[in-house]
Amino acid sequence: MGNSSVKIFLILVIAFILNQLIAFIGITITFFHSYLDDLLCFPIILSILLFIHRKWRLENNFFILPVSHIILSLLMFIVIFELLLPIISSKFTGDIFDVLAYVIGVLFFFKYINVVPKSLLTTTIPSVKFLAGYRRC
């Protein structure tokens, strides 16, 4: 991930931790308590996955997660957390607004994190094979 992506990731993780701490101490802000985790879920999880692919698996800083993988992840979460778990246990509730929060999180990840950093494109000339189909931030 580029420097701006790392900063965004850290801000999202801090927001998640603060939301958990606020809930833990008993302060309930309904909107944040209900939807912030769902909103932050995909940018955080997919950023970690992107980092793993770029640094350890492929060793390719130009890699971006394919749209098909992102959509598949989104569909898996919707099916598991919004459809199956509410059927299996009364502790879970399916909520269309959770789905909307997931989608907004995915769009945020796609627009601001899942991009090739400009600094890499201006300082390094990648092979055409690595650059084909990649988006600039």
N, C-alpha and C. Protein backbone atom coordinates (compact mmCIF):
# COMPACT_ATOMS: atom_id res chain seq x y z
N MET A 1 0.85 -1.17 0.00
CA MET A 1 0.00 0.00 0.00
C MET A 1 0.89 1.23 0.00
N GLY A 2 0.43 2.27 -0.70
CA GLY A 2 1.17 3.52 -0.72
C GLY A 2 1.02 4.26 0.60
N ASN A 3 1.79 5.34 0.77
CA ASN A 3 1.74 6.10 2.02
C ASN A 3 0.34 6.59 2.35
N SER A 4 -0.38 7.11 1.35
CA SER A 4 -1.72 7.61 1.63
C SER A 4 -2.66 6.45 2.01
N SER A 5 -2.49 5.30 1.38
CA SER A 5 -3.31 4.13 1.72
C SER A 5 -3.03 3.67 3.15
N VAL A 6 -1.77 3.73 3.56
CA VAL A 6 -1.42 3.33 4.93
C VAL A 6 -2.05 4.30 5.93
N LYS A 7 -2.01 5.60 5.62
CA LYS A 7 -2.62 6.59 6.51
C LYS A 7 -4.13 6.36 6.62
N ILE A 8 -4.77 6.11 5.48
CA ILE A 8 -6.21 5.84 5.49
C ILE A 8 -6.50 4.59 6.31
N PHE A 9 -5.71 3.55 6.10
CA PHE A 9 -5.90 2.30 6.84
C PHE A 9 -5.78 2.54 8.35
N LEU A 10 -4.76 3.27 8.77
CA LEU A 10 -4.57 3.52 10.20
C LEU A 10 -5.72 4.34 10.78
N ILE A 11 -6.22 5.32 10.05
CA ILE A 11 -7.37 6.10 10.52
C ILE A 11 -8.59 5.20 10.69
N LEU A 12 -8.79 4.29 9.73
CA LEU A 12 -9.94 3.38 9.81
C LEU A 12 -9.82 2.44 11.00
N VAL A 13 -8.63 1.93 11.24
CA VAL A 13 -8.42 1.02 12.37
C VAL A 13 -8.62 1.76 13.69
N ILE A 14 -8.12 2.99 13.78
CA ILE A 14 -8.32 3.78 14.99
C ILE A 14 -9.81 4.05 15.21
N ALA A 15 -10.53 4.37 14.14
CA ALA A 15 -11.98 4.60 14.26
C ALA A 15 -12.69 3.35 14.74
N PHE A 16 -12.28 2.19 14.23
CA PHE A 16 -12.87 0.92 14.66
C PHE A 16 -12.61 0.68 16.15
N ILE A 17 -11.36 0.86 16.57
CA ILE A 17 -11.00 0.63 17.97
C ILE A 17 -11.75 1.59 18.88
N LEU A 18 -11.83 2.87 18.50
CA LEU A 18 -12.57 3.85 19.31
C LEU A 18 -14.04 3.47 19.42
N ASN A 19 -14.62 3.02 18.31
CA ASN A 19 -16.02 2.60 18.34
C ASN A 19 -16.22 1.43 19.29
N GLN A 20 -15.29 0.48 19.29
CA GLN A 20 -15.39 -0.66 20.20
C GLN A 20 -15.22 -0.22 21.65
N LEU A 21 -14.27 0.68 21.92
CA LEU A 21 -14.06 1.16 23.28
C LEU A 21 -15.27 1.93 23.81
N ILE A 22 -15.85 2.77 22.97
CA ILE A 22 -17.03 3.52 23.37
C ILE A 22 -18.19 2.58 23.71
N ALA A 23 -18.37 1.55 22.88
CA ALA A 23 -19.42 0.57 23.16
C ALA A 23 -19.11 -0.21 24.44
N PHE A 24 -17.83 -0.54 24.64
CA PHE A 24 -17.42 -1.32 25.80
C PHE A 24 -17.70 -0.58 27.11
N ILE A 25 -17.48 0.72 27.12
CA ILE A 25 -17.70 1.47 28.36
C ILE A 25 -19.18 1.84 28.57
N GLY A 26 -20.01 1.46 27.60
CA GLY A 26 -21.44 1.60 27.79
C GLY A 26 -22.08 2.81 27.14
N ILE A 27 -21.33 3.57 26.38
CA ILE A 27 -21.90 4.71 25.68
C ILE A 27 -22.46 4.20 24.36
N THR A 28 -23.73 4.47 24.11
CA THR A 28 -24.35 4.00 22.88
C THR A 28 -24.77 5.18 22.02
N ILE A 29 -24.12 5.30 20.90
CA ILE A 29 -24.53 6.25 19.86
C ILE A 29 -25.09 5.34 18.76
N THR A 30 -26.39 5.28 18.65
CA THR A 30 -27.07 4.25 17.87
C THR A 30 -26.50 4.06 16.48
N PHE A 31 -26.36 5.13 15.72
CA PHE A 31 -25.87 4.98 14.34
C PHE A 31 -24.49 4.34 14.32
N PHE A 32 -23.56 4.88 15.12
CA PHE A 32 -22.20 4.34 15.13
C PHE A 32 -22.17 2.92 15.65
N HIS A 33 -22.93 2.67 16.70
CA HIS A 33 -22.97 1.32 17.29
C HIS A 33 -23.51 0.30 16.28
N SER A 34 -24.48 0.72 15.48
CA SER A 34 -25.13 -0.20 14.56
C SER A 34 -24.39 -0.38 13.23
N TYR A 35 -23.77 0.69 12.72
CA TYR A 35 -23.30 0.62 11.33
C TYR A 35 -21.82 0.94 11.10
N LEU A 36 -21.13 1.53 12.04
CA LEU A 36 -19.75 1.92 11.78
C LEU A 36 -18.86 0.71 11.52
N ASP A 37 -19.01 -0.35 12.30
CA ASP A 37 -18.18 -1.54 12.08
C ASP A 37 -18.42 -2.12 10.68
N ASP A 38 -19.67 -2.14 10.25
CA ASP A 38 -19.98 -2.65 8.92
C ASP A 38 -19.39 -1.77 7.83
N LEU A 39 -19.37 -0.47 8.08
CA LEU A 39 -18.81 0.48 7.12
C LEU A 39 -17.29 0.31 7.01
N LEU A 40 -16.64 0.07 8.14
CA LEU A 40 -15.18 -0.04 8.17
C LEU A 40 -14.67 -1.43 7.81
N CYS A 41 -15.54 -2.40 7.89
CA CYS A 41 -15.16 -3.81 7.71
C CYS A 41 -14.37 -4.06 6.43
N PHE A 42 -14.93 -3.70 5.30
CA PHE A 42 -14.27 -4.02 4.03
C PHE A 42 -13.01 -3.22 3.77
N PRO A 43 -12.99 -1.91 4.03
CA PRO A 43 -11.72 -1.23 3.83
C PRO A 43 -10.58 -1.80 4.67
N ILE A 44 -10.88 -2.23 5.90
CA ILE A 44 -9.84 -2.78 6.76
C ILE A 44 -9.43 -4.18 6.30
N ILE A 45 -10.39 -5.07 6.13
CA ILE A 45 -10.08 -6.46 5.75
C ILE A 45 -9.41 -6.52 4.38
N LEU A 46 -9.97 -5.79 3.41
CA LEU A 46 -9.39 -5.85 2.06
C LEU A 46 -8.03 -5.16 1.99
N SER A 47 -7.79 -4.16 2.85
CA SER A 47 -6.46 -3.53 2.90
C SER A 47 -5.42 -4.52 3.40
N ILE A 48 -5.78 -5.29 4.40
CA ILE A 48 -4.86 -6.32 4.90
C ILE A 48 -4.59 -7.35 3.81
N LEU A 49 -5.64 -7.78 3.13
CA LEU A 49 -5.47 -8.74 2.03
C LEU A 49 -4.60 -8.16 0.92
N LEU A 50 -4.81 -6.90 0.56
CA LEU A 50 -4.01 -6.24 -0.46
C LEU A 50 -2.55 -6.18 -0.04
N PHE A 51 -2.29 -5.83 1.21
CA PHE A 51 -0.93 -5.77 1.73
C PHE A 51 -0.25 -7.13 1.63
N ILE A 52 -0.96 -8.18 2.04
CA ILE A 52 -0.40 -9.54 1.98
C ILE A 52 -0.04 -9.91 0.55
N HIS A 53 -0.95 -9.63 -0.38
CA HIS A 53 -0.68 -9.94 -1.79
C HIS A 53 0.53 -9.16 -2.30
N ARG A 54 0.59 -7.87 -2.00
CA ARG A 54 1.67 -7.03 -2.52
C ARG A 54 3.02 -7.36 -1.92
N LYS A 55 3.07 -7.60 -0.64
CA LYS A 55 4.36 -7.75 0.04
C LYS A 55 4.86 -9.18 0.14
N TRP A 56 3.97 -10.12 0.38
CA TRP A 56 4.43 -11.48 0.65
C TRP A 56 4.13 -12.46 -0.45
N ARG A 57 2.96 -12.37 -1.00
CA ARG A 57 2.56 -13.39 -1.98
C ARG A 57 3.14 -13.10 -3.36
N LEU A 58 2.94 -11.88 -3.84
CA LEU A 58 3.35 -11.56 -5.21
C LEU A 58 4.60 -10.70 -5.28
N GLU A 59 4.94 -10.03 -4.18
CA GLU A 59 6.05 -9.08 -4.17
C GLU A 59 5.91 -8.11 -5.34
N ASN A 60 4.71 -7.56 -5.49
CA ASN A 60 4.39 -6.68 -6.61
C ASN A 60 3.58 -5.50 -6.09
N ASN A 61 4.21 -4.33 -5.96
CA ASN A 61 3.53 -3.15 -5.43
C ASN A 61 2.51 -2.56 -6.38
N PHE A 62 2.44 -3.08 -7.61
CA PHE A 62 1.48 -2.59 -8.59
C PHE A 62 0.19 -3.40 -8.60
N PHE A 63 0.16 -4.45 -7.80
CA PHE A 63 -1.02 -5.32 -7.77
C PHE A 63 -2.20 -4.60 -7.12
N ILE A 64 -3.38 -4.75 -7.71
CA ILE A 64 -4.61 -4.33 -7.07
C ILE A 64 -5.54 -5.54 -7.05
N LEU A 65 -6.40 -5.58 -6.05
CA LEU A 65 -7.34 -6.70 -5.96
C LEU A 65 -8.33 -6.60 -7.12
N PRO A 66 -8.53 -7.70 -7.83
CA PRO A 66 -9.50 -7.68 -8.93
C PRO A 66 -10.92 -7.41 -8.42
N VAL A 67 -11.69 -6.71 -9.21
CA VAL A 67 -13.07 -6.39 -8.86
C VAL A 67 -13.85 -7.66 -8.53
N SER A 68 -13.59 -8.73 -9.28
CA SER A 68 -14.31 -9.98 -9.04
C SER A 68 -14.05 -10.51 -7.63
N HIS A 69 -12.83 -10.37 -7.11
CA HIS A 69 -12.52 -10.83 -5.76
C HIS A 69 -13.23 -9.96 -4.71
N ILE A 70 -13.28 -8.67 -4.99
CA ILE A 70 -13.93 -7.75 -4.06
C ILE A 70 -15.43 -8.04 -4.00
N ILE A 71 -16.04 -8.22 -5.15
CA ILE A 71 -17.48 -8.50 -5.20
C ILE A 71 -17.79 -9.85 -4.56
N LEU A 72 -16.95 -10.85 -4.81
CA LEU A 72 -17.15 -12.15 -4.19
C LEU A 72 -17.07 -12.04 -2.66
N SER A 73 -16.12 -11.27 -2.16
CA SER A 73 -16.01 -11.05 -0.72
C SER A 73 -17.26 -10.39 -0.17
N LEU A 74 -17.74 -9.39 -0.89
CA LEU A 74 -18.96 -8.69 -0.48
C LEU A 74 -20.15 -9.65 -0.44
N LEU A 75 -20.30 -10.44 -1.47
CA LEU A 75 -21.42 -11.40 -1.52
C LEU A 75 -21.32 -12.44 -0.41
N MET A 76 -20.11 -12.90 -0.13
CA MET A 76 -19.92 -13.88 0.96
C MET A 76 -20.35 -13.29 2.30
N PHE A 77 -19.96 -12.05 2.58
CA PHE A 77 -20.35 -11.40 3.83
C PHE A 77 -21.85 -11.24 3.91
N ILE A 78 -22.46 -10.80 2.81
CA ILE A 78 -23.92 -10.60 2.82
C ILE A 78 -24.63 -11.92 3.08
N VAL A 79 -24.22 -12.97 2.39
CA VAL A 79 -24.88 -14.27 2.56
C VAL A 79 -24.67 -14.79 3.98
N ILE A 80 -23.44 -14.73 4.48
CA ILE A 80 -23.16 -15.30 5.80
C ILE A 80 -23.77 -14.47 6.92
N PHE A 81 -23.47 -13.15 6.92
CA PHE A 81 -23.84 -12.32 8.07
C PHE A 81 -25.24 -11.74 8.01
N GLU A 82 -25.79 -11.60 6.83
CA GLU A 82 -27.12 -10.98 6.74
C GLU A 82 -28.23 -11.98 6.38
N LEU A 83 -27.85 -13.14 5.87
CA LEU A 83 -28.87 -14.14 5.51
C LEU A 83 -28.79 -15.40 6.37
N LEU A 84 -27.63 -16.05 6.41
CA LEU A 84 -27.52 -17.33 7.12
C LEU A 84 -27.52 -17.21 8.64
N LEU A 85 -26.65 -16.37 9.19
CA LEU A 85 -26.55 -16.27 10.65
C LEU A 85 -27.87 -15.85 11.31
N PRO A 86 -28.64 -14.92 10.73
CA PRO A 86 -29.94 -14.61 11.36
C PRO A 86 -30.91 -15.80 11.37
N ILE A 87 -30.76 -16.72 10.42
CA ILE A 87 -31.60 -17.92 10.41
C ILE A 87 -31.14 -18.90 11.48
N ILE A 88 -29.83 -19.02 11.65
CA ILE A 88 -29.24 -19.98 12.57
C ILE A 88 -29.38 -19.55 14.03
N SER A 89 -29.24 -18.24 14.28
CA SER A 89 -29.24 -17.77 15.67
C SER A 89 -30.03 -16.48 15.81
N SER A 90 -30.74 -16.37 16.91
CA SER A 90 -31.51 -15.15 17.17
C SER A 90 -30.61 -14.00 17.64
N LYS A 91 -29.33 -14.28 17.88
CA LYS A 91 -28.38 -13.24 18.27
C LYS A 91 -28.05 -12.31 17.09
N PHE A 92 -28.34 -12.76 15.87
CA PHE A 92 -28.00 -12.01 14.67
C PHE A 92 -29.27 -11.51 13.99
N THR A 93 -29.14 -10.36 13.35
CA THR A 93 -30.28 -9.80 12.60
C THR A 93 -29.80 -9.41 11.22
N GLY A 94 -30.56 -9.78 10.22
CA GLY A 94 -30.26 -9.33 8.87
C GLY A 94 -30.79 -7.91 8.70
N ASP A 95 -29.97 -7.04 8.13
CA ASP A 95 -30.35 -5.64 8.03
C ASP A 95 -29.88 -5.09 6.69
N ILE A 96 -30.79 -4.53 5.92
CA ILE A 96 -30.45 -3.97 4.62
C ILE A 96 -29.47 -2.80 4.76
N PHE A 97 -29.52 -2.10 5.90
CA PHE A 97 -28.59 -0.99 6.11
C PHE A 97 -27.16 -1.49 6.37
N ASP A 98 -27.03 -2.70 6.93
CA ASP A 98 -25.71 -3.32 7.03
C ASP A 98 -25.15 -3.58 5.64
N VAL A 99 -26.00 -4.08 4.76
CA VAL A 99 -25.58 -4.34 3.38
C VAL A 99 -25.16 -3.03 2.71
N LEU A 100 -25.92 -1.98 2.93
CA LEU A 100 -25.57 -0.68 2.37
C LEU A 100 -24.23 -0.20 2.92
N ALA A 101 -23.98 -0.40 4.20
CA ALA A 101 -22.70 -0.02 4.81
C ALA A 101 -21.56 -0.84 4.19
N TYR A 102 -21.78 -2.14 3.99
CA TYR A 102 -20.76 -2.96 3.32
C TYR A 102 -20.44 -2.40 1.94
N VAL A 103 -21.48 -2.08 1.18
CA VAL A 103 -21.29 -1.59 -0.19
C VAL A 103 -20.53 -0.26 -0.19
N ILE A 104 -20.88 0.64 0.71
CA ILE A 104 -20.17 1.91 0.80
C ILE A 104 -18.71 1.68 1.16
N GLY A 105 -18.46 0.75 2.09
CA GLY A 105 -17.08 0.42 2.46
C GLY A 105 -16.30 -0.15 1.29
N VAL A 106 -16.93 -1.00 0.50
CA VAL A 106 -16.28 -1.58 -0.69
C VAL A 106 -15.95 -0.47 -1.69
N LEU A 107 -16.90 0.42 -1.92
CA LEU A 107 -16.66 1.52 -2.86
C LEU A 107 -15.53 2.42 -2.38
N PHE A 108 -15.49 2.69 -1.09
CA PHE A 108 -14.40 3.49 -0.51
C PHE A 108 -13.06 2.79 -0.74
N PHE A 109 -13.00 1.49 -0.45
CA PHE A 109 -11.77 0.72 -0.66
C PHE A 109 -11.35 0.78 -2.13
N PHE A 110 -12.29 0.56 -3.02
CA PHE A 110 -11.99 0.55 -4.45
C PHE A 110 -11.47 1.90 -4.92
N LYS A 111 -12.06 2.98 -4.44
CA LYS A 111 -11.70 4.32 -4.91
C LYS A 111 -10.40 4.84 -4.30
N TYR A 112 -10.18 4.60 -3.00
CA TYR A 112 -9.08 5.26 -2.32
C TYR A 112 -7.93 4.36 -1.89
N ILE A 113 -8.14 3.06 -1.81
CA ILE A 113 -7.08 2.18 -1.30
C ILE A 113 -6.59 1.21 -2.36
N ASN A 114 -7.46 0.65 -3.14
CA ASN A 114 -7.11 -0.38 -4.12
C ASN A 114 -6.61 0.26 -5.43
N VAL A 115 -5.56 1.05 -5.30
CA VAL A 115 -5.00 1.77 -6.44
C VAL A 115 -3.48 1.66 -6.40
N VAL A 116 -2.86 1.88 -7.54
CA VAL A 116 -1.40 1.93 -7.59
C VAL A 116 -1.00 3.35 -7.20
N PRO A 117 -0.16 3.50 -6.16
CA PRO A 117 0.25 4.84 -5.74
C PRO A 117 0.96 5.60 -6.86
N LYS A 118 0.64 6.88 -7.00
CA LYS A 118 1.26 7.71 -8.03
C LYS A 118 2.77 7.71 -7.90
N SER A 119 3.26 7.69 -6.67
CA SER A 119 4.70 7.73 -6.45
C SER A 119 5.40 6.54 -7.11
N LEU A 120 4.75 5.39 -7.12
CA LEU A 120 5.35 4.23 -7.78
C LEU A 120 5.34 4.38 -9.30
N LEU A 121 4.28 4.97 -9.82
CA LEU A 121 4.17 5.12 -11.27
C LEU A 121 5.15 6.14 -11.81
N THR A 122 5.53 7.13 -11.01
CA THR A 122 6.45 8.15 -11.49
C THR A 122 7.91 7.81 -11.23
N THR A 123 8.18 6.94 -10.26
CA THR A 123 9.57 6.63 -9.95
C THR A 123 10.03 5.30 -10.51
N THR A 124 9.11 4.44 -10.83
CA THR A 124 9.44 3.11 -11.31
C THR A 124 8.67 2.85 -12.59
N ILE A 125 9.34 2.28 -13.56
CA ILE A 125 8.64 1.92 -14.78
C ILE A 125 8.38 0.42 -14.74
N PRO A 126 7.15 0.03 -14.48
CA PRO A 126 6.84 -1.40 -14.40
C PRO A 126 6.71 -2.00 -15.78
N SER A 127 6.79 -3.30 -15.84
CA SER A 127 6.56 -3.95 -17.12
C SER A 127 5.09 -3.79 -17.48
N VAL A 128 4.79 -3.83 -18.74
CA VAL A 128 3.41 -3.66 -19.21
C VAL A 128 2.53 -4.74 -18.61
N LYS A 129 3.07 -5.93 -18.41
CA LYS A 129 2.31 -7.05 -17.84
C LYS A 129 1.74 -6.68 -16.47
N PHE A 130 2.53 -6.01 -15.63
CA PHE A 130 2.08 -5.65 -14.30
C PHE A 130 1.14 -4.45 -14.31
N LEU A 131 1.25 -3.58 -15.29
CA LEU A 131 0.49 -2.35 -15.30
C LEU A 131 -0.86 -2.49 -15.98
N ALA A 132 -1.01 -3.48 -16.83
CA ALA A 132 -2.26 -3.63 -17.58
C ALA A 132 -3.43 -3.77 -16.63
N GLY A 133 -4.43 -2.93 -16.80
CA GLY A 133 -5.64 -3.02 -16.00
C GLY A 133 -5.55 -2.40 -14.63
N TYR A 134 -4.46 -1.73 -14.31
CA TYR A 134 -4.30 -1.16 -12.99
C TYR A 134 -4.72 0.30 -13.01
N ARG A 135 -5.25 0.76 -11.88
CA ARG A 135 -5.75 2.12 -11.78
C ARG A 135 -4.76 2.97 -10.98
N ARG A 136 -4.68 4.23 -11.34
CA ARG A 136 -3.87 5.17 -10.58
C ARG A 136 -4.71 5.81 -9.50
N CYS A 137 -4.05 6.24 -8.41
CA CYS A 137 -4.82 6.96 -7.38
C CYS A 137 -4.69 8.44 -7.60
